[in-house]
Amino acid sequence: MINLSTDWIYQQYVKEFGNKLLPTDFYYDALGRRVMTETYHIRRGTCCGSGCKHCPYEPAHKKGVKTLKSK
């Protein structure tokens, strides 16, 4: 289990949304890393620029971008 007091992704989420991380916001990969879902990123509202696997913004991985990719 990940120690939430040292998890920077969790700390950023709490800073922006409060302490209400939804079960659909993330999953843990095979190495135990927290992976944020597309749902989380859309609710966040902008790209964080961290190179996230499920980045829904266009262009991807560019901090501050608010334009969602068309499906």
N, C-alpha and C. Protein backbone atom coordinates (compact mmCIF):
# COMPACT_ATOMS: atom_id res chain seq x y z
N MET A 1 0.84 -1.19 0.00
CA MET A 1 0.00 0.00 0.00
C MET A 1 0.88 1.25 0.00
N ILE A 2 0.46 2.25 -0.72
CA ILE A 2 1.18 3.52 -0.82
C ILE A 2 0.92 4.37 0.42
N ASN A 3 1.96 5.01 0.93
CA ASN A 3 1.82 5.93 2.05
C ASN A 3 1.29 7.26 1.50
N LEU A 4 0.05 7.60 1.81
CA LEU A 4 -0.58 8.80 1.25
C LEU A 4 0.09 10.09 1.69
N SER A 5 0.76 10.07 2.84
CA SER A 5 1.43 11.29 3.31
C SER A 5 2.65 11.64 2.46
N THR A 6 3.17 10.69 1.66
CA THR A 6 4.32 10.97 0.80
C THR A 6 3.98 10.85 -0.69
N ASP A 7 2.72 10.59 -1.01
CA ASP A 7 2.29 10.43 -2.41
C ASP A 7 1.99 11.81 -3.00
N TRP A 8 2.85 12.31 -3.88
CA TRP A 8 2.69 13.68 -4.40
C TRP A 8 1.44 13.85 -5.23
N ILE A 9 1.00 12.79 -5.91
CA ILE A 9 -0.23 12.88 -6.71
C ILE A 9 -1.43 13.07 -5.78
N TYR A 10 -1.47 12.30 -4.72
CA TYR A 10 -2.56 12.44 -3.76
C TYR A 10 -2.54 13.82 -3.12
N GLN A 11 -1.36 14.30 -2.76
CA GLN A 11 -1.24 15.62 -2.15
C GLN A 11 -1.73 16.71 -3.09
N GLN A 12 -1.42 16.61 -4.38
CA GLN A 12 -1.88 17.59 -5.38
C GLN A 12 -3.40 17.53 -5.49
N TYR A 13 -3.96 16.33 -5.48
CA TYR A 13 -5.41 16.19 -5.56
C TYR A 13 -6.08 16.85 -4.37
N VAL A 14 -5.59 16.58 -3.17
CA VAL A 14 -6.17 17.17 -1.96
C VAL A 14 -6.08 18.69 -2.02
N LYS A 15 -4.96 19.21 -2.52
CA LYS A 15 -4.78 20.66 -2.66
C LYS A 15 -5.85 21.26 -3.58
N GLU A 16 -6.19 20.56 -4.66
CA GLU A 16 -7.13 21.10 -5.64
C GLU A 16 -8.59 20.76 -5.37
N PHE A 17 -8.86 19.56 -4.86
CA PHE A 17 -10.25 19.11 -4.73
C PHE A 17 -10.69 18.82 -3.30
N GLY A 18 -9.80 18.87 -2.35
CA GLY A 18 -10.14 18.43 -1.00
C GLY A 18 -9.80 16.96 -0.88
N ASN A 19 -10.21 16.38 0.21
CA ASN A 19 -9.80 15.01 0.54
C ASN A 19 -10.81 13.97 0.05
N LYS A 20 -11.33 14.11 -1.15
CA LYS A 20 -12.34 13.19 -1.65
C LYS A 20 -11.91 12.55 -2.96
N LEU A 21 -10.97 11.67 -2.89
CA LEU A 21 -10.51 10.93 -4.06
C LEU A 21 -11.48 9.78 -4.31
N LEU A 22 -12.06 9.74 -5.48
CA LEU A 22 -13.05 8.72 -5.81
C LEU A 22 -12.37 7.41 -6.23
N PRO A 23 -13.03 6.28 -6.02
CA PRO A 23 -12.46 4.99 -6.43
C PRO A 23 -12.18 4.92 -7.93
N THR A 24 -12.91 5.67 -8.73
CA THR A 24 -12.72 5.65 -10.18
C THR A 24 -11.63 6.62 -10.64
N ASP A 25 -11.00 7.33 -9.73
CA ASP A 25 -9.98 8.32 -10.07
C ASP A 25 -8.61 7.72 -10.34
N PHE A 26 -8.36 6.51 -9.88
CA PHE A 26 -7.03 5.94 -10.03
C PHE A 26 -7.08 4.42 -9.91
N TYR A 27 -5.96 3.81 -10.31
CA TYR A 27 -5.73 2.39 -10.05
C TYR A 27 -4.23 2.23 -9.84
N TYR A 28 -3.82 1.09 -9.32
CA TYR A 28 -2.39 0.82 -9.11
C TYR A 28 -1.91 -0.13 -10.20
N ASP A 29 -0.78 0.21 -10.80
CA ASP A 29 -0.22 -0.66 -11.84
C ASP A 29 0.55 -1.82 -11.19
N ALA A 30 1.15 -2.66 -12.01
CA ALA A 30 1.86 -3.85 -11.52
C ALA A 30 3.03 -3.52 -10.61
N LEU A 31 3.57 -2.30 -10.73
CA LEU A 31 4.70 -1.90 -9.89
C LEU A 31 4.25 -1.16 -8.63
N GLY A 32 2.93 -1.05 -8.43
CA GLY A 32 2.40 -0.39 -7.25
C GLY A 32 2.28 1.12 -7.37
N ARG A 33 2.47 1.64 -8.58
CA ARG A 33 2.35 3.09 -8.78
C ARG A 33 0.89 3.47 -9.01
N ARG A 34 0.50 4.60 -8.49
CA ARG A 34 -0.86 5.09 -8.70
C ARG A 34 -0.96 5.70 -10.10
N VAL A 35 -1.95 5.28 -10.86
CA VAL A 35 -2.19 5.78 -12.21
C VAL A 35 -3.54 6.49 -12.21
N MET A 36 -3.54 7.78 -12.52
CA MET A 36 -4.78 8.55 -12.52
C MET A 36 -5.53 8.28 -13.83
N THR A 37 -6.86 8.16 -13.73
CA THR A 37 -7.68 7.84 -14.89
C THR A 37 -8.06 9.09 -15.68
N GLU A 38 -8.58 8.88 -16.87
CA GLU A 38 -9.05 9.99 -17.69
C GLU A 38 -10.15 10.76 -16.98
N THR A 39 -11.02 10.06 -16.25
CA THR A 39 -12.10 10.70 -15.49
C THR A 39 -11.53 11.71 -14.50
N TYR A 40 -10.49 11.31 -13.79
CA TYR A 40 -9.85 12.22 -12.84
C TYR A 40 -9.32 13.46 -13.56
N HIS A 41 -8.63 13.26 -14.67
CA HIS A 41 -8.03 14.39 -15.39
C HIS A 41 -9.09 15.36 -15.91
N ILE A 42 -10.18 14.83 -16.41
CA ILE A 42 -11.25 15.71 -16.90
C ILE A 42 -11.83 16.52 -15.75
N ARG A 43 -12.05 15.89 -14.60
CA ARG A 43 -12.57 16.61 -13.43
C ARG A 43 -11.56 17.64 -12.92
N ARG A 44 -10.29 17.35 -13.08
CA ARG A 44 -9.24 18.28 -12.65
C ARG A 44 -9.33 19.59 -13.45
N GLY A 45 -9.64 19.49 -14.74
CA GLY A 45 -9.91 20.66 -15.54
C GLY A 45 -8.79 21.18 -16.44
N THR A 46 -7.55 20.83 -16.13
CA THR A 46 -6.42 21.23 -16.98
C THR A 46 -5.35 20.16 -16.95
N CYS A 47 -4.49 20.19 -17.94
CA CYS A 47 -3.37 19.26 -17.99
C CYS A 47 -2.33 19.66 -16.95
N CYS A 48 -1.77 18.68 -16.26
CA CYS A 48 -0.76 18.96 -15.24
C CYS A 48 0.65 18.98 -15.85
N GLY A 49 0.80 18.49 -17.09
CA GLY A 49 2.09 18.50 -17.74
C GLY A 49 3.06 17.44 -17.27
N SER A 50 2.55 16.40 -16.60
CA SER A 50 3.43 15.37 -16.04
C SER A 50 3.60 14.14 -16.92
N GLY A 51 3.01 14.15 -18.11
CA GLY A 51 3.15 13.01 -19.01
C GLY A 51 2.27 11.84 -18.63
N CYS A 52 1.10 12.11 -18.10
CA CYS A 52 0.19 11.07 -17.62
C CYS A 52 -0.28 10.14 -18.74
N LYS A 53 -0.41 8.88 -18.40
CA LYS A 53 -0.81 7.84 -19.35
C LYS A 53 -2.19 8.11 -19.95
N HIS A 54 -3.12 8.63 -19.16
CA HIS A 54 -4.49 8.82 -19.61
C HIS A 54 -4.84 10.30 -19.83
N CYS A 55 -3.89 11.09 -20.24
CA CYS A 55 -4.12 12.52 -20.46
C CYS A 55 -5.17 12.73 -21.55
N PRO A 56 -6.30 13.42 -21.22
CA PRO A 56 -7.36 13.62 -22.20
C PRO A 56 -7.26 14.94 -22.95
N TYR A 57 -6.19 15.68 -22.74
CA TYR A 57 -6.07 17.01 -23.32
C TYR A 57 -5.27 17.04 -24.62
N GLU A 58 -5.52 18.07 -25.41
CA GLU A 58 -4.82 18.24 -26.69
C GLU A 58 -4.24 19.64 -26.73
N PRO A 59 -2.96 19.83 -26.91
CA PRO A 59 -1.95 18.77 -27.00
C PRO A 59 -1.70 18.15 -25.63
N ALA A 60 -1.39 16.87 -25.63
CA ALA A 60 -1.17 16.13 -24.38
C ALA A 60 0.12 16.58 -23.72
N HIS A 61 0.13 16.48 -22.42
CA HIS A 61 1.32 16.69 -21.59
C HIS A 61 1.85 18.12 -21.64
N LYS A 62 0.97 19.09 -21.85
CA LYS A 62 1.38 20.49 -21.85
C LYS A 62 0.60 21.20 -20.75
N LYS A 63 1.30 21.57 -19.70
CA LYS A 63 0.68 22.14 -18.50
C LYS A 63 -0.25 23.31 -18.82
N GLY A 64 -1.44 23.27 -18.23
CA GLY A 64 -2.41 24.35 -18.35
C GLY A 64 -3.39 24.22 -19.49
N VAL A 65 -3.18 23.27 -20.40
CA VAL A 65 -4.08 23.08 -21.54
C VAL A 65 -5.46 22.65 -21.03
N LYS A 66 -6.52 23.21 -21.60
CA LYS A 66 -7.89 22.90 -21.17
C LYS A 66 -8.73 22.25 -22.27
N THR A 67 -8.19 22.15 -23.48
CA THR A 67 -8.94 21.60 -24.61
C THR A 67 -8.89 20.07 -24.58
N LEU A 68 -10.08 19.44 -24.49
CA LEU A 68 -10.15 17.99 -24.49
C LEU A 68 -9.97 17.45 -25.90
N LYS A 69 -9.35 16.27 -26.00
CA LYS A 69 -9.20 15.59 -27.29
C LYS A 69 -10.58 15.22 -27.79
N SER A 70 -10.81 15.34 -29.09
CA SER A 70 -12.08 14.89 -29.65
C SER A 70 -12.01 13.38 -29.84
N LYS A 71 -13.12 12.72 -29.58
CA LYS A 71 -13.13 11.26 -29.63
C LYS A 71 -13.57 10.74 -30.96
